[in-house]
Amino acid sequence: MLAGIQRAREASARHNLPLGLALEVLYGVEAEMAVTPADVLIRRTGML
């Protein structure tokens, strides 16, 4: 779990994303089998 947080923290800085969103993307990919950005931003976060 800590490794995932660290990965998300690094991605957050690299890709100019809020840490919480970087974590949501990682969780969506690893635990919910999200495979596209549209899937993450529509179905997983509802942000769109």
All heavy atoms as atom14 arrays in JSON, in Angstrom:
{
  "sequence": "MLAGIQRAREASARHNLPLGLALEVLYGVEAEMAVTPADVLIRRTGML",
  "atom14_mask": [
    [1, 1, 1, 1, 1, 1, 1, 1, 0, 0, 0, 0, 0, 0],
    [1, 1, 1, 1, 1, 1, 1, 1, 0, 0, 0, 0, 0, 0],
    [1, 1, 1, 1, 1, 0, 0, 0, 0, 0, 0, 0, 0, 0],
    [1, 1, 1, 1, 0, 0, 0, 0, 0, 0, 0, 0, 0, 0],
    [1, 1, 1, 1, 1, 1, 1, 1, 0, 0, 0, 0, 0, 0],
    [1, 1, 1, 1, 1, 1, 1, 1, 1, 0, 0, 0, 0, 0],
    [1, 1, 1, 1, 1, 1, 1, 1, 1, 1, 1, 0, 0, 0],
    [1, 1, 1, 1, 1, 0, 0, 0, 0, 0, 0, 0, 0, 0],
    [1, 1, 1, 1, 1, 1, 1, 1, 1, 1, 1, 0, 0, 0],
    [1, 1, 1, 1, 1, 1, 1, 1, 1, 0, 0, 0, 0, 0],
    [1, 1, 1, 1, 1, 0, 0, 0, 0, 0, 0, 0, 0, 0],
    [1, 1, 1, 1, 1, 1, 0, 0, 0, 0, 0, 0, 0, 0],
    [1, 1, 1, 1, 1, 0, 0, 0, 0, 0, 0, 0, 0, 0],
    [1, 1, 1, 1, 1, 1, 1, 1, 1, 1, 1, 0, 0, 0],
    [1, 1, 1, 1, 1, 1, 1, 1, 1, 1, 0, 0, 0, 0],
    [1, 1, 1, 1, 1, 1, 1, 1, 0, 0, 0, 0, 0, 0],
    [1, 1, 1, 1, 1, 1, 1, 1, 0, 0, 0, 0, 0, 0],
    [1, 1, 1, 1, 1, 1, 1, 0, 0, 0, 0, 0, 0, 0],
    [1, 1, 1, 1, 1, 1, 1, 1, 0, 0, 0, 0, 0, 0],
    [1, 1, 1, 1, 0, 0, 0, 0, 0, 0, 0, 0, 0, 0],
    [1, 1, 1, 1, 1, 1, 1, 1, 0, 0, 0, 0, 0, 0],
    [1, 1, 1, 1, 1, 0, 0, 0, 0, 0, 0, 0, 0, 0],
    [1, 1, 1, 1, 1, 1, 1, 1, 0, 0, 0, 0, 0, 0],
    [1, 1, 1, 1, 1, 1, 1, 1, 1, 0, 0, 0, 0, 0],
    [1, 1, 1, 1, 1, 1, 1, 0, 0, 0, 0, 0, 0, 0],
    [1, 1, 1, 1, 1, 1, 1, 1, 0, 0, 0, 0, 0, 0],
    [1, 1, 1, 1, 1, 1, 1, 1, 1, 1, 1, 1, 0, 0],
    [1, 1, 1, 1, 0, 0, 0, 0, 0, 0, 0, 0, 0, 0],
    [1, 1, 1, 1, 1, 1, 1, 0, 0, 0, 0, 0, 0, 0],
    [1, 1, 1, 1, 1, 1, 1, 1, 1, 0, 0, 0, 0, 0],
    [1, 1, 1, 1, 1, 0, 0, 0, 0, 0, 0, 0, 0, 0],
    [1, 1, 1, 1, 1, 1, 1, 1, 1, 0, 0, 0, 0, 0],
    [1, 1, 1, 1, 1, 1, 1, 1, 0, 0, 0, 0, 0, 0],
    [1, 1, 1, 1, 1, 0, 0, 0, 0, 0, 0, 0, 0, 0],
    [1, 1, 1, 1, 1, 1, 1, 0, 0, 0, 0, 0, 0, 0],
    [1, 1, 1, 1, 1, 1, 1, 0, 0, 0, 0, 0, 0, 0],
    [1, 1, 1, 1, 1, 1, 1, 0, 0, 0, 0, 0, 0, 0],
    [1, 1, 1, 1, 1, 0, 0, 0, 0, 0, 0, 0, 0, 0],
    [1, 1, 1, 1, 1, 1, 1, 1, 0, 0, 0, 0, 0, 0],
    [1, 1, 1, 1, 1, 1, 1, 0, 0, 0, 0, 0, 0, 0],
    [1, 1, 1, 1, 1, 1, 1, 1, 0, 0, 0, 0, 0, 0],
    [1, 1, 1, 1, 1, 1, 1, 1, 0, 0, 0, 0, 0, 0],
    [1, 1, 1, 1, 1, 1, 1, 1, 1, 1, 1, 0, 0, 0],
    [1, 1, 1, 1, 1, 1, 1, 1, 1, 1, 1, 0, 0, 0],
    [1, 1, 1, 1, 1, 1, 1, 0, 0, 0, 0, 0, 0, 0],
    [1, 1, 1, 1, 0, 0, 0, 0, 0, 0, 0, 0, 0, 0],
    [1, 1, 1, 1, 1, 1, 1, 1, 0, 0, 0, 0, 0, 0],
    [1, 1, 1, 1, 1, 1, 1, 1, 0, 0, 0, 0, 0, 0]
  ],
  "atom14_positions": [
    [[0.82, -1.19, 0.0], [0.0, 0.0, 0.0], [0.86, 1.26, 0.0], [0.59, 2.18, -0.75], [-0.94, 0.0, 1.2], [-1.82, 1.23, 1.21], [-3.33, 1.03, 2.12], [-2.88, 1.71, 3.69], [0.0, 0.0, 0.0], [0.0, 0.0, 0.0], [0.0, 0.0, 0.0], [0.0, 0.0, 0.0], [0.0, 0.0, 0.0], [0.0, 0.0, 0.0]],
    [[1.91, 1.27, 0.82], [2.78, 2.44, 0.87], [3.5, 2.65, -0.45], [3.71, 3.79, -0.86], [3.79, 2.31, 2.01], [3.18, 2.37, 3.41], [4.26, 2.15, 4.46], [2.46, 3.68, 3.65], [0.0, 0.0, 0.0], [0.0, 0.0, 0.0], [0.0, 0.0, 0.0], [0.0, 0.0, 0.0], [0.0, 0.0, 0.0], [0.0, 0.0, 0.0]],
    [[3.83, 1.57, -1.14], [4.47, 1.7, -2.45], [3.52, 2.38, -3.44], [3.95, 3.2, -4.24], [4.89, 0.33, -2.97], [0.0, 0.0, 0.0], [0.0, 0.0, 0.0], [0.0, 0.0, 0.0], [0.0, 0.0, 0.0], [0.0, 0.0, 0.0], [0.0, 0.0, 0.0], [0.0, 0.0, 0.0], [0.0, 0.0, 0.0], [0.0, 0.0, 0.0]],
    [[2.24, 2.04, -3.37], [1.25, 2.68, -4.25], [1.11, 4.16, -3.96], [1.0, 4.97, -4.88], [0.0, 0.0, 0.0], [0.0, 0.0, 0.0], [0.0, 0.0, 0.0], [0.0, 0.0, 0.0], [0.0, 0.0, 0.0], [0.0, 0.0, 0.0], [0.0, 0.0, 0.0], [0.0, 0.0, 0.0], [0.0, 0.0, 0.0], [0.0, 0.0, 0.0]],
    [[1.13, 4.51, -2.7], [1.04, 5.92, -2.32], [2.25, 6.68, -2.85], [2.12, 7.78, -3.39], [0.89, 6.09, -0.79], [-0.46, 5.52, -0.35], [1.04, 7.54, -0.38], [-0.63, 5.41, 1.15], [0.0, 0.0, 0.0], [0.0, 0.0, 0.0], [0.0, 0.0, 0.0], [0.0, 0.0, 0.0], [0.0, 0.0, 0.0], [0.0, 0.0, 0.0]],
    [[3.41, 6.08, -2.72], [4.63, 6.73, -3.23], [4.58, 6.86, -4.75], [4.93, 7.91, -5.29], [5.88, 5.94, -2.81], [7.18, 6.63, -3.21], [7.32, 8.02, -2.63], [6.89, 8.31, -1.51], [7.91, 8.91, -3.4], [0.0, 0.0, 0.0], [0.0, 0.0, 0.0], [0.0, 0.0, 0.0], [0.0, 0.0, 0.0], [0.0, 0.0, 0.0]],
    [[4.13, 5.83, -5.43], [3.98, 5.91, -6.89], [3.03, 7.03, -7.28], [3.29, 7.8, -8.21], [3.45, 4.59, -7.46], [4.46, 3.49, -7.53], [3.84, 2.2, -8.02], [3.43, 2.28, -9.43], [2.57, 1.44, -10.0], [2.01, 0.49, -9.29], [2.28, 1.56, -11.27], [0.0, 0.0, 0.0], [0.0, 0.0, 0.0], [0.0, 0.0, 0.0]],
    [[1.91, 7.12, -6.58], [0.93, 8.17, -6.88], [1.5, 9.55, -6.57], [1.26, 10.5, -7.31], [-0.36, 7.92, -6.1], [0.0, 0.0, 0.0], [0.0, 0.0, 0.0], [0.0, 0.0, 0.0], [0.0, 0.0, 0.0], [0.0, 0.0, 0.0], [0.0, 0.0, 0.0], [0.0, 0.0, 0.0], [0.0, 0.0, 0.0], [0.0, 0.0, 0.0]],
    [[2.26, 9.66, -5.49], [2.87, 10.95, -5.13], [3.82, 11.41, -6.24], [3.8, 12.56, -6.65], [3.61, 10.83, -3.8], [4.19, 12.14, -3.32], [4.82, 12.03, -1.95], [3.76, 11.9, -0.95], [3.69, 10.93, -0.05], [4.63, 10.01, 0.02], [2.71, 10.9, 0.82], [0.0, 0.0, 0.0], [0.0, 0.0, 0.0], [0.0, 0.0, 0.0]],
    [[4.63, 10.48, -6.73], [5.57, 10.81, -7.81], [4.82, 11.17, -9.09], [5.18, 12.12, -9.79], [6.53, 9.65, -8.03], [7.48, 9.44, -6.87], [8.22, 8.11, -6.92], [8.02, 7.33, -7.89], [9.0, 7.86, -5.98], [0.0, 0.0, 0.0], [0.0, 0.0, 0.0], [0.0, 0.0, 0.0], [0.0, 0.0, 0.0], [0.0, 0.0, 0.0]],
    [[3.78, 10.41, -9.41], [2.98, 10.69, -10.6], [2.27, 12.03, -10.47], [2.15, 12.77, -11.46], [1.97, 9.58, -10.84], [0.0, 0.0, 0.0], [0.0, 0.0, 0.0], [0.0, 0.0, 0.0], [0.0, 0.0, 0.0], [0.0, 0.0, 0.0], [0.0, 0.0, 0.0], [0.0, 0.0, 0.0], [0.0, 0.0, 0.0], [0.0, 0.0, 0.0]],
    [[1.81, 12.34, -9.29], [1.16, 13.61, -9.04], [2.07, 14.77, -9.41], [1.66, 15.71, -10.09], [0.75, 13.68, -7.55], [0.28, 14.95, -7.23], [0.0, 0.0, 0.0], [0.0, 0.0, 0.0], [0.0, 0.0, 0.0], [0.0, 0.0, 0.0], [0.0, 0.0, 0.0], [0.0, 0.0, 0.0], [0.0, 0.0, 0.0], [0.0, 0.0, 0.0]],
    [[3.31, 14.68, -8.99], [4.28, 15.73, -9.3], [4.62, 15.75, -10.79], [4.68, 16.81, -11.41], [5.54, 15.54, -8.46], [0.0, 0.0, 0.0], [0.0, 0.0, 0.0], [0.0, 0.0, 0.0], [0.0, 0.0, 0.0], [0.0, 0.0, 0.0], [0.0, 0.0, 0.0], [0.0, 0.0, 0.0], [0.0, 0.0, 0.0], [0.0, 0.0, 0.0]],
    [[4.83, 14.58, -11.37], [5.22, 14.48, -12.78], [4.13, 14.96, -13.73], [4.41, 15.57, -14.75], [5.54, 13.01, -13.13], [6.96, 12.71, -13.37], [7.22, 11.32, -13.93], [6.3, 10.26, -13.59], [6.35, 9.52, -12.47], [7.27, 9.76, -11.55], [5.49, 8.55, -12.27], [0.0, 0.0, 0.0], [0.0, 0.0, 0.0], [0.0, 0.0, 0.0]],
    [[2.89, 14.65, -13.4], [1.79, 14.91, -14.33], [0.88, 16.05, -13.87], [-0.21, 16.23, -14.43], [0.98, 13.63, -14.53], [1.82, 12.5, -15.04], [2.5, 12.55, -16.23], [2.11, 11.3, -14.49], [3.17, 11.42, -16.41], [2.95, 10.65, -15.36], [0.0, 0.0, 0.0], [0.0, 0.0, 0.0], [0.0, 0.0, 0.0], [0.0, 0.0, 0.0]],
    [[1.31, 16.78, -12.85], [0.56, 17.93, -12.36], [-0.88, 17.56, -11.99], [-1.84, 18.2, -12.41], [0.59, 19.07, -13.39], [0.16, 20.38, -12.79], [0.37, 20.63, -11.6], [-0.44, 21.23, -13.59], [0.0, 0.0, 0.0], [0.0, 0.0, 0.0], [0.0, 0.0, 0.0], [0.0, 0.0, 0.0], [0.0, 0.0, 0.0], [0.0, 0.0, 0.0]],
    [[-1.0, 16.48, -11.21], [-2.31, 16.01, -10.75], [-2.39, 16.17, -9.24], [-1.4, 15.98, -8.54], [-2.48, 14.53, -11.08], [-2.6, 14.13, -12.53], [-2.55, 12.62, -12.67], [-3.89, 14.68, -13.11], [0.0, 0.0, 0.0], [0.0, 0.0, 0.0], [0.0, 0.0, 0.0], [0.0, 0.0, 0.0], [0.0, 0.0, 0.0], [0.0, 0.0, 0.0]],
    [[-3.58, 16.47, -8.71], [-3.75, 16.41, -7.26], [-3.46, 14.98, -6.78], [-3.8, 14.01, -7.46], [-5.23, 16.75, -7.05], [-5.67, 17.43, -8.31], [-4.82, 16.86, -9.4], [0.0, 0.0, 0.0], [0.0, 0.0, 0.0], [0.0, 0.0, 0.0], [0.0, 0.0, 0.0], [0.0, 0.0, 0.0], [0.0, 0.0, 0.0], [0.0, 0.0, 0.0]],
    [[-2.83, 14.87, -5.63], [-2.47, 13.55, -5.12], [-3.68, 12.63, -5.0], [-3.63, 11.46, -5.36], [-1.75, 13.67, -3.77], [-1.38, 12.35, -3.1], [-0.48, 11.5, -3.99], [-0.71, 12.63, -1.75], [0.0, 0.0, 0.0], [0.0, 0.0, 0.0], [0.0, 0.0, 0.0], [0.0, 0.0, 0.0], [0.0, 0.0, 0.0], [0.0, 0.0, 0.0]],
    [[-4.78, 13.16, -4.5], [-5.99, 12.34, -4.36], [-6.44, 11.75, -5.68], [-6.84, 10.59, -5.76], [0.0, 0.0, 0.0], [0.0, 0.0, 0.0], [0.0, 0.0, 0.0], [0.0, 0.0, 0.0], [0.0, 0.0, 0.0], [0.0, 0.0, 0.0], [0.0, 0.0, 0.0], [0.0, 0.0, 0.0], [0.0, 0.0, 0.0], [0.0, 0.0, 0.0]],
    [[-6.37, 12.53, -6.75], [-6.78, 12.04, -8.06], [-5.78, 11.0, -8.57], [-6.18, 9.98, -9.14], [-6.93, 13.18, -9.05], [-7.35, 12.77, -10.46], [-8.67, 12.0, -10.46], [-7.44, 14.0, -11.35], [0.0, 0.0, 0.0], [0.0, 0.0, 0.0], [0.0, 0.0, 0.0], [0.0, 0.0, 0.0], [0.0, 0.0, 0.0], [0.0, 0.0, 0.0]],
    [[-4.49, 11.24, -8.37], [-3.49, 10.25, -8.78], [-3.74, 8.92, -8.08], [-3.63, 7.85, -8.69], [-2.08, 10.77, -8.49], [0.0, 0.0, 0.0], [0.0, 0.0, 0.0], [0.0, 0.0, 0.0], [0.0, 0.0, 0.0], [0.0, 0.0, 0.0], [0.0, 0.0, 0.0], [0.0, 0.0, 0.0], [0.0, 0.0, 0.0], [0.0, 0.0, 0.0]],
    [[-4.13, 8.98, -6.81], [-4.46, 7.76, -6.07], [-5.73, 7.11, -6.62], [-5.8, 5.88, -6.74], [-4.63, 8.07, -4.58], [-3.34, 8.33, -3.81], [-3.62, 9.01, -2.49], [-2.58, 7.02, -3.6], [0.0, 0.0, 0.0], [0.0, 0.0, 0.0], [0.0, 0.0, 0.0], [0.0, 0.0, 0.0], [0.0, 0.0, 0.0], [0.0, 0.0, 0.0]],
    [[-6.74, 7.93, -6.95], [-7.98, 7.37, -7.51], [-7.72, 6.68, -8.84], [-8.3, 5.62, -9.11], [-9.02, 8.48, -7.7], [-9.65, 8.95, -6.42], [-10.74, 9.96, -6.68], [-10.43, 11.16, -6.74], [-11.91, 9.54, -6.83], [0.0, 0.0, 0.0], [0.0, 0.0, 0.0], [0.0, 0.0, 0.0], [0.0, 0.0, 0.0], [0.0, 0.0, 0.0]],
    [[-6.86, 7.26, -9.67], [-6.52, 6.63, -10.95], [-5.83, 5.3, -10.69], [-6.2, 4.28, -11.28], [-5.63, 7.56, -11.8], [-5.06, 6.81, -13.01], [-6.4, 8.8, -12.25], [0.0, 0.0, 0.0], [0.0, 0.0, 0.0], [0.0, 0.0, 0.0], [0.0, 0.0, 0.0], [0.0, 0.0, 0.0], [0.0, 0.0, 0.0], [0.0, 0.0, 0.0]],
    [[-4.85, 5.29, -9.8], [-4.13, 4.06, -9.5], [-5.08, 2.99, -8.96], [-5.04, 1.85, -9.4], [-3.01, 4.34, -8.5], [-2.11, 3.16, -8.15], [-1.39, 2.64, -9.39], [-1.11, 3.57, -7.08], [0.0, 0.0, 0.0], [0.0, 0.0, 0.0], [0.0, 0.0, 0.0], [0.0, 0.0, 0.0], [0.0, 0.0, 0.0], [0.0, 0.0, 0.0]],
    [[-5.96, 3.37, -8.05], [-6.92, 2.42, -7.5], [-7.86, 1.92, -8.6], [-8.15, 0.72, -8.69], [-7.72, 3.05, -6.36], [-8.69, 2.08, -5.74], [-8.26, 1.18, -4.78], [-10.03, 2.06, -6.12], [-9.14, 0.26, -4.21], [-10.92, 1.14, -5.56], [-10.47, 0.25, -4.6], [-11.34, -0.65, -4.05], [0.0, 0.0, 0.0], [0.0, 0.0, 0.0]],
    [[-8.35, 2.83, -9.43], [-9.25, 2.43, -10.52], [-8.61, 1.42, -11.45], [-9.24, 0.45, -11.86], [0.0, 0.0, 0.0], [0.0, 0.0, 0.0], [0.0, 0.0, 0.0], [0.0, 0.0, 0.0], [0.0, 0.0, 0.0], [0.0, 0.0, 0.0], [0.0, 0.0, 0.0], [0.0, 0.0, 0.0], [0.0, 0.0, 0.0], [0.0, 0.0, 0.0]],
    [[-7.34, 1.62, -11.75], [-6.62, 0.71, -12.64], [-6.34, -0.61, -11.96], [-6.59, -1.68, -12.52], [-5.32, 1.37, -13.14], [-4.39, 0.37, -13.79], [-5.63, 2.53, -14.09], [0.0, 0.0, 0.0], [0.0, 0.0, 0.0], [0.0, 0.0, 0.0], [0.0, 0.0, 0.0], [0.0, 0.0, 0.0], [0.0, 0.0, 0.0], [0.0, 0.0, 0.0]],
    [[-5.82, -0.56, -10.75], [-5.38, -1.79, -10.08], [-6.51, -2.6, -9.45], [-6.45, -3.82, -9.44], [-4.33, -1.45, -9.02], [-3.02, -0.98, -9.62], [-1.94, -0.75, -8.59], [-2.24, -0.67, -7.37], [-0.77, -0.65, -9.0], [0.0, 0.0, 0.0], [0.0, 0.0, 0.0], [0.0, 0.0, 0.0], [0.0, 0.0, 0.0], [0.0, 0.0, 0.0]],
    [[-7.54, -1.93, -8.93], [-8.57, -2.65, -8.19], [-9.9, -2.76, -8.93], [-10.67, -3.68, -8.67], [-8.79, -1.98, -6.83], [0.0, 0.0, 0.0], [0.0, 0.0, 0.0], [0.0, 0.0, 0.0], [0.0, 0.0, 0.0], [0.0, 0.0, 0.0], [0.0, 0.0, 0.0], [0.0, 0.0, 0.0], [0.0, 0.0, 0.0], [0.0, 0.0, 0.0]],
    [[-10.18, -1.82, -9.82], [-11.48, -1.8, -10.49], [-11.4, -2.09, -11.98], [-12.39, -2.02, -12.67], [-12.14, -0.44, -10.26], [-12.42, -0.16, -8.79], [-13.09, 1.18, -8.58], [-12.99, 2.07, -9.45], [-13.72, 1.34, -7.53], [0.0, 0.0, 0.0], [0.0, 0.0, 0.0], [0.0, 0.0, 0.0], [0.0, 0.0, 0.0], [0.0, 0.0, 0.0]],
    [[-10.21, -2.38, -12.46], [-9.98, -2.73, -13.87], [-10.38, -1.63, -14.85], [-10.82, -1.91, -15.97], [-10.66, -4.06, -14.22], [-10.1, -5.21, -13.43], [-10.7, -6.82, -13.95], [-12.37, -6.8, -13.32], [0.0, 0.0, 0.0], [0.0, 0.0, 0.0], [0.0, 0.0, 0.0], [0.0, 0.0, 0.0], [0.0, 0.0, 0.0], [0.0, 0.0, 0.0]],
    [[-10.23, -0.38, -14.44], [-10.44, 0.73, -15.37], [-9.33, 0.69, -16.41], [-8.17, 0.47, -16.07], [-10.43, 2.07, -14.62], [0.0, 0.0, 0.0], [0.0, 0.0, 0.0], [0.0, 0.0, 0.0], [0.0, 0.0, 0.0], [0.0, 0.0, 0.0], [0.0, 0.0, 0.0], [0.0, 0.0, 0.0], [0.0, 0.0, 0.0], [0.0, 0.0, 0.0]],
    [[-9.67, 0.91, -17.67], [-8.66, 0.82, -18.72], [-8.54, 2.07, -19.59], [-7.63, 2.15, -20.4], [-8.87, -0.41, -19.63], [-8.66, -1.69, -18.84], [-10.23, -0.39, -20.28], [0.0, 0.0, 0.0], [0.0, 0.0, 0.0], [0.0, 0.0, 0.0], [0.0, 0.0, 0.0], [0.0, 0.0, 0.0], [0.0, 0.0, 0.0], [0.0, 0.0, 0.0]],
    [[-9.43, 3.03, -19.42], [-9.32, 4.26, -20.21], [-9.49, 5.48, -19.3], [-10.18, 5.41, -18.27], [-10.39, 4.34, -21.33], [-11.68, 4.54, -20.74], [-10.39, 3.1, -22.2], [0.0, 0.0, 0.0], [0.0, 0.0, 0.0], [0.0, 0.0, 0.0], [0.0, 0.0, 0.0], [0.0, 0.0, 0.0], [0.0, 0.0, 0.0], [0.0, 0.0, 0.0]],
    [[-8.92, 6.62, -19.71], [-9.14, 7.84, -18.94], [-10.62, 8.22, -18.86], [-11.09, 8.68, -17.82], [-8.33, 8.89, -19.71], [-7.25, 8.09, -20.37], [-7.91, 6.79, -20.75], [0.0, 0.0, 0.0], [0.0, 0.0, 0.0], [0.0, 0.0, 0.0], [0.0, 0.0, 0.0], [0.0, 0.0, 0.0], [0.0, 0.0, 0.0], [0.0, 0.0, 0.0]],
    [[-11.36, 8.0, -19.94], [-12.79, 8.3, -19.9], [-13.49, 7.46, -18.85], [-14.35, 7.95, -18.11], [-13.42, 8.08, -21.28], [0.0, 0.0, 0.0], [0.0, 0.0, 0.0], [0.0, 0.0, 0.0], [0.0, 0.0, 0.0], [0.0, 0.0, 0.0], [0.0, 0.0, 0.0], [0.0, 0.0, 0.0], [0.0, 0.0, 0.0], [0.0, 0.0, 0.0]],
    [[-13.13, 6.2, -18.77], [-13.7, 5.31, -17.76], [-13.43, 5.84, -16.36], [-14.33, 5.93, -15.52], [-13.12, 3.9, -17.93], [-13.72, 2.88, -16.98], [-14.82, 3.12, -16.45], [-13.09, 1.83, -16.79], [0.0, 0.0, 0.0], [0.0, 0.0, 0.0], [0.0, 0.0, 0.0], [0.0, 0.0, 0.0], [0.0, 0.0, 0.0], [0.0, 0.0, 0.0]],
    [[-12.2, 6.24, -16.09], [-11.84, 6.77, -14.77], [-12.61, 8.05, -14.47], [-13.2, 8.2, -13.4], [-10.32, 7.0, -14.65], [-9.98, 7.81, -13.41], [-9.58, 5.67, -14.64], [0.0, 0.0, 0.0], [0.0, 0.0, 0.0], [0.0, 0.0, 0.0], [0.0, 0.0, 0.0], [0.0, 0.0, 0.0], [0.0, 0.0, 0.0], [0.0, 0.0, 0.0]],
    [[-12.62, 8.97, -15.42], [-13.2, 10.29, -15.15], [-14.71, 10.35, -15.26], [-15.33, 11.29, -14.75], [-12.55, 11.33, -16.06], [-11.06, 11.55, -15.76], [-10.4, 12.39, -16.84], [-10.86, 12.16, -14.38], [0.0, 0.0, 0.0], [0.0, 0.0, 0.0], [0.0, 0.0, 0.0], [0.0, 0.0, 0.0], [0.0, 0.0, 0.0], [0.0, 0.0, 0.0]],
    [[-15.33, 9.35, -15.85], [-16.8, 9.3, -15.9], [-17.32, 8.34, -14.83], [-18.08, 8.73, -13.95], [-17.3, 8.85, -17.28], [-16.94, 9.87, -18.35], [-18.83, 8.64, -17.25], [-17.18, 9.39, -19.77], [0.0, 0.0, 0.0], [0.0, 0.0, 0.0], [0.0, 0.0, 0.0], [0.0, 0.0, 0.0], [0.0, 0.0, 0.0], [0.0, 0.0, 0.0]],
    [[-16.91, 7.09, -14.89], [-17.5, 6.05, -14.04], [-16.86, 5.92, -12.66], [-17.53, 5.59, -11.7], [-17.44, 4.71, -14.75], [-18.33, 4.66, -15.96], [-18.14, 3.37, -16.77], [-18.63, 3.55, -18.12], [-17.92, 4.08, -19.12], [-16.67, 4.46, -18.92], [-18.44, 4.22, -20.32], [0.0, 0.0, 0.0], [0.0, 0.0, 0.0], [0.0, 0.0, 0.0]],
    [[-15.57, 6.11, -12.57], [-14.87, 5.87, -11.28], [-14.91, 7.09, -10.38], [-15.11, 6.96, -9.19], [-13.43, 5.42, -11.51], [-13.24, 4.33, -12.54], [-14.05, 3.09, -12.25], [-14.05, 2.23, -13.43], [-14.33, 0.97, -13.42], [-14.65, 0.36, -12.31], [-14.32, 0.27, -14.54], [0.0, 0.0, 0.0], [0.0, 0.0, 0.0], [0.0, 0.0, 0.0]],
    [[-14.69, 8.28, -10.94], [-14.68, 9.48, -10.1], [-15.93, 10.34, -10.28], [-16.25, 11.13, -9.41], [-13.46, 10.38, -10.42], [-13.6, 10.93, -11.74], [-12.15, 9.61, -10.3], [0.0, 0.0, 0.0], [0.0, 0.0, 0.0], [0.0, 0.0, 0.0], [0.0, 0.0, 0.0], [0.0, 0.0, 0.0], [0.0, 0.0, 0.0], [0.0, 0.0, 0.0]],
    [[-16.59, 10.22, -11.43], [-17.74, 11.08, -11.73], [-17.36, 12.51, -12.07], [-18.22, 13.36, -12.28], [0.0, 0.0, 0.0], [0.0, 0.0, 0.0], [0.0, 0.0, 0.0], [0.0, 0.0, 0.0], [0.0, 0.0, 0.0], [0.0, 0.0, 0.0], [0.0, 0.0, 0.0], [0.0, 0.0, 0.0], [0.0, 0.0, 0.0], [0.0, 0.0, 0.0]],
    [[-16.07, 12.78, -12.15], [-15.61, 14.15, -12.33], [-16.12, 14.77, -13.63], [-16.51, 15.93, -13.66], [-14.08, 14.2, -12.29], [-13.53, 15.61, -12.28], [-11.73, 15.67, -12.34], [-11.3, 14.82, -10.84], [0.0, 0.0, 0.0], [0.0, 0.0, 0.0], [0.0, 0.0, 0.0], [0.0, 0.0, 0.0], [0.0, 0.0, 0.0], [0.0, 0.0, 0.0]],
    [[-16.12, 14.02, -14.71], [-16.55, 14.59, -15.99], [-18.02, 14.99, -15.93], [-18.41, 15.99, -16.51], [-16.32, 13.59, -17.12], [-16.5, 14.18, -18.52], [-15.49, 13.58, -19.48], [-17.89, 13.95, -19.05], [0.0, 0.0, 0.0], [0.0, 0.0, 0.0], [0.0, 0.0, 0.0], [0.0, 0.0, 0.0], [0.0, 0.0, 0.0], [0.0, 0.0, 0.0]]
  ]
}
